[in-house]
């Protein structure tokens, strides 16, 4: 299997940056990995906070203990700055993943071409 394909598959299916680590491009790999972990941590933190609020509302009796009422509260879209931050984090997560795949394939292709010339 070519180096470019291995690097792209590592970035696609393991985590962003793993293809760069495979190609010995550690700085770029660390940058992609840190970006992905930070955005994922923010999104998980937000989901946890939202679950805490909803569970507290259920315990206080503000939301009845009925599936449709709980489902409505869970699926309610965030508003204002909260929605903006979630969208930015989601786009950052997706961008890091896509950039990791494309750039690791590009760098792997350069390594493949250099190997063929030798």
N, C-alpha and C. Protein backbone atom coordinates (compact mmCIF):
# COMPACT_ATOMS: atom_id res chain seq x y z
N UNK A 1 0.84 -1.17 0.00
CA UNK A 1 0.00 0.00 0.00
C UNK A 1 0.89 1.24 0.00
N UNK A 2 0.49 2.22 -0.77
CA UNK A 2 1.28 3.44 -0.88
C UNK A 2 1.24 4.24 0.42
N UNK A 3 2.29 4.99 0.64
CA UNK A 3 2.40 5.83 1.82
C UNK A 3 1.27 6.84 1.88
N UNK A 4 0.92 7.42 0.74
CA UNK A 4 -0.14 8.42 0.72
C UNK A 4 -1.48 7.85 1.16
N UNK A 5 -1.78 6.65 0.72
CA UNK A 5 -3.05 6.01 1.09
C UNK A 5 -3.05 5.64 2.57
N UNK A 6 -1.94 5.10 3.07
CA UNK A 6 -1.84 4.74 4.49
C UNK A 6 -2.04 5.97 5.36
N UNK A 7 -1.36 7.06 5.01
CA UNK A 7 -1.46 8.28 5.80
C UNK A 7 -2.88 8.84 5.79
N UNK A 8 -3.51 8.84 4.62
CA UNK A 8 -4.88 9.35 4.53
C UNK A 8 -5.85 8.47 5.31
N UNK A 9 -5.69 7.15 5.24
CA UNK A 9 -6.57 6.25 5.97
C UNK A 9 -6.37 6.38 7.48
N UNK A 10 -5.14 6.57 7.91
CA UNK A 10 -4.90 6.79 9.34
C UNK A 10 -5.59 8.06 9.82
N UNK A 11 -5.47 9.13 9.03
CA UNK A 11 -6.11 10.38 9.40
C UNK A 11 -7.63 10.27 9.35
N UNK A 12 -8.15 9.48 8.43
CA UNK A 12 -9.59 9.37 8.29
C UNK A 12 -10.21 8.50 9.36
N UNK A 13 -9.58 7.38 9.69
CA UNK A 13 -10.23 6.40 10.55
C UNK A 13 -9.68 6.29 11.96
N UNK A 14 -8.49 6.81 12.22
CA UNK A 14 -7.95 6.76 13.57
C UNK A 14 -8.23 8.09 14.27
N UNK A 15 -7.56 9.12 13.84
CA UNK A 15 -7.84 10.48 14.33
C UNK A 15 -7.05 11.46 13.46
N UNK A 16 -7.51 12.71 13.38
CA UNK A 16 -6.76 13.70 12.63
C UNK A 16 -5.36 13.87 13.23
N UNK A 17 -4.39 13.89 12.38
CA UNK A 17 -3.01 14.02 12.83
C UNK A 17 -2.25 12.72 12.83
N UNK A 18 -2.94 11.59 12.88
CA UNK A 18 -2.23 10.31 12.92
C UNK A 18 -1.48 10.04 11.61
N UNK A 19 -2.03 10.48 10.49
CA UNK A 19 -1.33 10.35 9.22
C UNK A 19 -0.07 11.18 9.19
N UNK A 20 -0.12 12.35 9.82
CA UNK A 20 1.06 13.21 9.89
C UNK A 20 2.13 12.59 10.80
N UNK A 21 1.69 11.99 11.89
CA UNK A 21 2.66 11.30 12.76
C UNK A 21 3.32 10.15 12.00
N UNK A 22 2.55 9.44 11.20
CA UNK A 22 3.09 8.35 10.38
C UNK A 22 4.13 8.87 9.41
N UNK A 23 3.90 10.08 8.88
CA UNK A 23 4.83 10.69 7.91
C UNK A 23 5.95 11.48 8.59
N UNK A 24 6.01 11.41 9.92
CA UNK A 24 7.04 12.11 10.70
C UNK A 24 6.90 13.63 10.63
N UNK A 25 5.68 14.11 10.47
CA UNK A 25 5.38 15.55 10.50
C UNK A 25 4.68 15.84 11.82
N UNK A 26 5.45 15.75 12.90
CA UNK A 26 4.88 15.79 14.25
C UNK A 26 4.23 17.11 14.61
N UNK A 27 4.78 18.23 14.18
CA UNK A 27 4.20 19.52 14.53
C UNK A 27 2.80 19.67 13.96
N UNK A 28 2.64 19.36 12.71
CA UNK A 28 1.32 19.44 12.08
C UNK A 28 0.38 18.42 12.71
N UNK A 29 0.87 17.24 12.98
CA UNK A 29 0.05 16.21 13.62
C UNK A 29 -0.44 16.65 14.99
N UNK A 30 0.45 17.26 15.77
CA UNK A 30 0.06 17.74 17.10
C UNK A 30 -0.98 18.85 16.99
N UNK A 31 -0.80 19.76 16.03
CA UNK A 31 -1.74 20.86 15.85
C UNK A 31 -3.13 20.33 15.50
N UNK A 32 -3.20 19.38 14.58
CA UNK A 32 -4.49 18.81 14.21
C UNK A 32 -5.10 18.03 15.36
N UNK A 33 -4.29 17.28 16.06
CA UNK A 33 -4.80 16.48 17.18
C UNK A 33 -5.31 17.37 18.30
N UNK A 34 -4.57 18.40 18.64
CA UNK A 34 -5.00 19.31 19.70
C UNK A 34 -6.28 20.04 19.32
N UNK A 35 -6.36 20.50 18.06
CA UNK A 35 -7.58 21.16 17.60
C UNK A 35 -8.78 20.23 17.71
N UNK A 36 -8.62 19.00 17.28
CA UNK A 36 -9.71 18.04 17.33
C UNK A 36 -10.12 17.73 18.77
N UNK A 37 -9.16 17.49 19.62
CA UNK A 37 -9.47 17.14 21.01
C UNK A 37 -10.14 18.32 21.73
N UNK A 38 -9.66 19.52 21.50
CA UNK A 38 -10.24 20.69 22.17
C UNK A 38 -11.67 20.94 21.71
N UNK A 39 -11.93 20.85 20.40
CA UNK A 39 -13.29 21.08 19.93
C UNK A 39 -14.21 19.96 20.40
N UNK A 40 -13.73 18.73 20.41
CA UNK A 40 -14.55 17.61 20.88
C UNK A 40 -14.83 17.75 22.37
N UNK A 41 -13.85 18.17 23.14
CA UNK A 41 -14.06 18.39 24.58
C UNK A 41 -15.10 19.48 24.82
N UNK A 42 -15.04 20.56 24.05
CA UNK A 42 -16.03 21.62 24.19
C UNK A 42 -17.43 21.11 23.87
N UNK A 43 -17.57 20.35 22.79
CA UNK A 43 -18.89 19.83 22.41
C UNK A 43 -19.42 18.85 23.46
N UNK A 44 -18.55 18.00 23.99
CA UNK A 44 -18.98 17.07 25.03
C UNK A 44 -19.32 17.80 26.33
N UNK A 45 -18.56 18.81 26.67
CA UNK A 45 -18.86 19.61 27.85
C UNK A 45 -20.21 20.28 27.70
N UNK A 46 -20.47 20.82 26.53
CA UNK A 46 -21.76 21.47 26.29
C UNK A 46 -22.90 20.46 26.41
N UNK A 47 -22.74 19.28 25.84
CA UNK A 47 -23.78 18.25 25.93
C UNK A 47 -24.01 17.85 27.38
N UNK A 48 -22.94 17.74 28.15
CA UNK A 48 -23.06 17.40 29.56
C UNK A 48 -23.82 18.49 30.33
N UNK A 49 -23.46 19.75 30.07
CA UNK A 49 -24.13 20.86 30.74
C UNK A 49 -25.62 20.89 30.40
N UNK A 50 -25.92 20.65 29.14
CA UNK A 50 -27.33 20.64 28.70
C UNK A 50 -28.08 19.50 29.37
N UNK A 51 -27.47 18.34 29.49
CA UNK A 51 -28.09 17.20 30.17
C UNK A 51 -28.32 17.51 31.64
N UNK A 52 -27.38 18.20 32.27
CA UNK A 52 -27.55 18.58 33.67
C UNK A 52 -28.73 19.52 33.86
N UNK A 53 -28.87 20.49 32.97
CA UNK A 53 -29.97 21.45 33.06
C UNK A 53 -31.31 20.73 32.88
N UNK A 54 -31.38 19.88 31.89
CA UNK A 54 -32.63 19.16 31.63
C UNK A 54 -32.97 18.22 32.79
N UNK A 55 -31.99 17.53 33.32
CA UNK A 55 -32.28 16.63 34.45
C UNK A 55 -32.71 17.42 35.69
N UNK A 56 -32.12 18.58 35.89
CA UNK A 56 -32.53 19.42 37.02
C UNK A 56 -33.96 19.92 36.82
N UNK A 57 -34.32 20.28 35.59
CA UNK A 57 -35.69 20.70 35.31
C UNK A 57 -36.68 19.56 35.53
N UNK A 58 -36.28 18.35 35.22
CA UNK A 58 -37.15 17.19 35.47
C UNK A 58 -37.33 16.98 36.97
N UNK A 59 -36.24 17.08 37.72
CA UNK A 59 -36.32 16.90 39.17
C UNK A 59 -37.14 18.00 39.85
N UNK A 60 -37.08 19.22 39.31
CA UNK A 60 -37.84 20.34 39.88
C UNK A 60 -39.30 20.32 39.44
N UNK A 61 -39.65 19.44 38.52
CA UNK A 61 -41.03 19.37 38.05
C UNK A 61 -41.35 20.33 36.93
N UNK A 62 -40.35 21.04 36.42
CA UNK A 62 -40.58 21.98 35.31
C UNK A 62 -40.86 21.24 34.01
N UNK A 63 -40.28 20.07 33.86
CA UNK A 63 -40.52 19.21 32.71
C UNK A 63 -41.16 17.93 33.24
N UNK A 64 -42.35 17.58 32.73
CA UNK A 64 -42.99 16.36 33.24
C UNK A 64 -42.21 15.12 32.84
N UNK A 65 -42.35 14.08 33.62
CA UNK A 65 -41.64 12.83 33.38
C UNK A 65 -42.38 12.02 32.31
N UNK A 66 -42.40 12.60 31.12
CA UNK A 66 -43.04 11.97 29.96
C UNK A 66 -42.06 12.04 28.80
N UNK A 67 -42.05 10.99 28.02
CA UNK A 67 -41.06 10.87 26.95
C UNK A 67 -41.14 12.03 25.96
N UNK A 68 -42.34 12.41 25.54
CA UNK A 68 -42.46 13.48 24.55
C UNK A 68 -41.99 14.83 25.09
N UNK A 69 -42.22 15.10 26.38
CA UNK A 69 -41.76 16.35 26.98
C UNK A 69 -40.24 16.37 27.11
N UNK A 70 -39.67 15.26 27.51
CA UNK A 70 -38.21 15.17 27.63
C UNK A 70 -37.56 15.26 26.25
N UNK A 71 -38.15 14.56 25.27
CA UNK A 71 -37.63 14.60 23.90
C UNK A 71 -37.66 16.03 23.36
N UNK A 72 -38.73 16.74 23.64
CA UNK A 72 -38.85 18.14 23.19
C UNK A 72 -37.76 19.01 23.81
N UNK A 73 -37.48 18.80 25.09
CA UNK A 73 -36.44 19.59 25.76
C UNK A 73 -35.05 19.25 25.22
N UNK A 74 -34.81 17.97 24.95
CA UNK A 74 -33.50 17.54 24.47
C UNK A 74 -33.24 18.05 23.06
N UNK A 75 -34.25 18.02 22.21
CA UNK A 75 -34.06 18.40 20.80
C UNK A 75 -34.23 19.89 20.54
N UNK A 76 -34.51 20.66 21.57
CA UNK A 76 -34.65 22.10 21.38
C UNK A 76 -33.29 22.70 20.98
N UNK A 77 -33.30 23.46 19.91
CA UNK A 77 -32.06 24.04 19.39
C UNK A 77 -31.54 25.13 20.31
N UNK A 78 -30.23 25.19 20.48
CA UNK A 78 -29.66 26.28 21.27
C UNK A 78 -29.84 27.61 20.55
N UNK A 79 -29.82 28.70 21.31
CA UNK A 79 -30.04 30.02 20.73
C UNK A 79 -28.89 30.95 21.09
N UNK A 80 -28.77 32.02 20.32
CA UNK A 80 -27.81 33.09 20.62
C UNK A 80 -26.37 32.66 20.49
N UNK A 81 -25.55 33.16 21.42
CA UNK A 81 -24.12 32.87 21.40
C UNK A 81 -23.82 31.39 21.59
N UNK A 82 -24.68 30.72 22.34
CA UNK A 82 -24.49 29.29 22.58
C UNK A 82 -24.49 28.54 21.24
N UNK A 83 -25.45 28.85 20.39
CA UNK A 83 -25.52 28.21 19.07
C UNK A 83 -24.31 28.57 18.22
N UNK A 84 -23.87 29.81 18.31
CA UNK A 84 -22.70 30.24 17.54
C UNK A 84 -21.46 29.46 17.95
N UNK A 85 -21.23 29.32 19.26
CA UNK A 85 -20.06 28.61 19.74
C UNK A 85 -20.11 27.13 19.37
N UNK A 86 -21.28 26.54 19.43
CA UNK A 86 -21.42 25.14 19.04
C UNK A 86 -21.12 24.97 17.56
N UNK A 87 -21.63 25.88 16.73
CA UNK A 87 -21.37 25.81 15.29
C UNK A 87 -19.89 26.00 14.97
N UNK A 88 -19.24 26.92 15.66
CA UNK A 88 -17.81 27.15 15.44
C UNK A 88 -17.01 25.91 15.83
N UNK A 89 -17.34 25.32 16.98
CA UNK A 89 -16.62 24.12 17.43
C UNK A 89 -16.86 22.96 16.47
N UNK A 90 -18.08 22.82 16.00
CA UNK A 90 -18.38 21.73 15.06
C UNK A 90 -17.63 21.92 13.75
N UNK A 91 -17.62 23.14 13.24
CA UNK A 91 -16.89 23.41 11.99
C UNK A 91 -15.39 23.22 12.18
N UNK A 92 -14.86 23.61 13.33
CA UNK A 92 -13.44 23.39 13.62
C UNK A 92 -13.10 21.91 13.67
N UNK A 93 -13.98 21.12 14.27
CA UNK A 93 -13.77 19.67 14.35
C UNK A 93 -13.77 19.05 12.96
N UNK A 94 -14.76 19.40 12.16
CA UNK A 94 -14.86 18.86 10.79
C UNK A 94 -13.70 19.33 9.94
N UNK A 95 -13.34 20.62 10.05
CA UNK A 95 -12.24 21.16 9.26
C UNK A 95 -10.92 20.47 9.60
N UNK A 96 -10.67 20.25 10.89
CA UNK A 96 -9.43 19.58 11.28
C UNK A 96 -9.38 18.17 10.70
N UNK A 97 -10.50 17.49 10.70
CA UNK A 97 -10.54 16.13 10.19
C UNK A 97 -10.29 16.11 8.68
N UNK A 98 -11.00 16.98 7.95
CA UNK A 98 -10.85 17.01 6.49
C UNK A 98 -9.45 17.48 6.08
N UNK A 99 -8.97 18.52 6.73
CA UNK A 99 -7.63 19.02 6.42
C UNK A 99 -6.58 17.95 6.73
N UNK A 100 -6.77 17.23 7.83
CA UNK A 100 -5.84 16.16 8.18
C UNK A 100 -5.78 15.09 7.10
N UNK A 101 -6.94 14.70 6.58
CA UNK A 101 -6.97 13.67 5.54
C UNK A 101 -6.31 14.16 4.25
N UNK A 102 -6.71 15.34 3.81
CA UNK A 102 -6.20 15.87 2.54
C UNK A 102 -4.70 16.16 2.62
N UNK A 103 -4.27 16.79 3.72
CA UNK A 103 -2.85 17.15 3.82
C UNK A 103 -1.98 15.92 4.01
N UNK A 104 -2.44 14.93 4.76
CA UNK A 104 -1.62 13.73 4.92
C UNK A 104 -1.52 12.97 3.59
N UNK A 105 -2.59 12.98 2.80
CA UNK A 105 -2.50 12.35 1.47
C UNK A 105 -1.51 13.11 0.59
N UNK A 106 -1.59 14.45 0.64
CA UNK A 106 -0.69 15.28 -0.17
C UNK A 106 0.77 15.05 0.22
N UNK A 107 1.05 15.03 1.50
CA UNK A 107 2.42 14.81 1.95
C UNK A 107 2.88 13.38 1.65
N UNK A 108 1.98 12.44 1.79
CA UNK A 108 2.31 11.05 1.45
C UNK A 108 2.57 10.88 -0.03
N UNK A 109 1.82 11.60 -0.86
CA UNK A 109 2.03 11.56 -2.31
C UNK A 109 3.41 12.12 -2.66
N UNK A 110 3.80 13.19 -1.98
CA UNK A 110 5.14 13.73 -2.20
C UNK A 110 6.20 12.71 -1.81
N UNK A 111 6.00 11.99 -0.72
CA UNK A 111 6.94 10.96 -0.29
C UNK A 111 6.96 9.81 -1.29
N UNK A 112 5.80 9.42 -1.81
CA UNK A 112 5.73 8.37 -2.82
C UNK A 112 6.48 8.77 -4.10
N UNK A 113 6.28 10.01 -4.53
CA UNK A 113 6.96 10.51 -5.73
C UNK A 113 8.47 10.56 -5.53
N UNK A 114 8.91 10.99 -4.36
CA UNK A 114 10.35 11.07 -4.06
C UNK A 114 10.95 9.67 -4.04
N UNK A 115 10.18 8.71 -3.56
CA UNK A 115 10.66 7.33 -3.51
C UNK A 115 10.79 6.74 -4.92
N UNK A 116 9.87 7.08 -5.79
CA UNK A 116 9.92 6.59 -7.18
C UNK A 116 11.11 7.16 -7.94
N UNK A 117 11.47 8.42 -7.64
CA UNK A 117 12.58 9.05 -8.34
C UNK A 117 13.92 8.44 -7.95
N UNK A 118 13.98 7.83 -6.79
CA UNK A 118 15.24 7.24 -6.34
C UNK A 118 15.41 5.92 -6.96
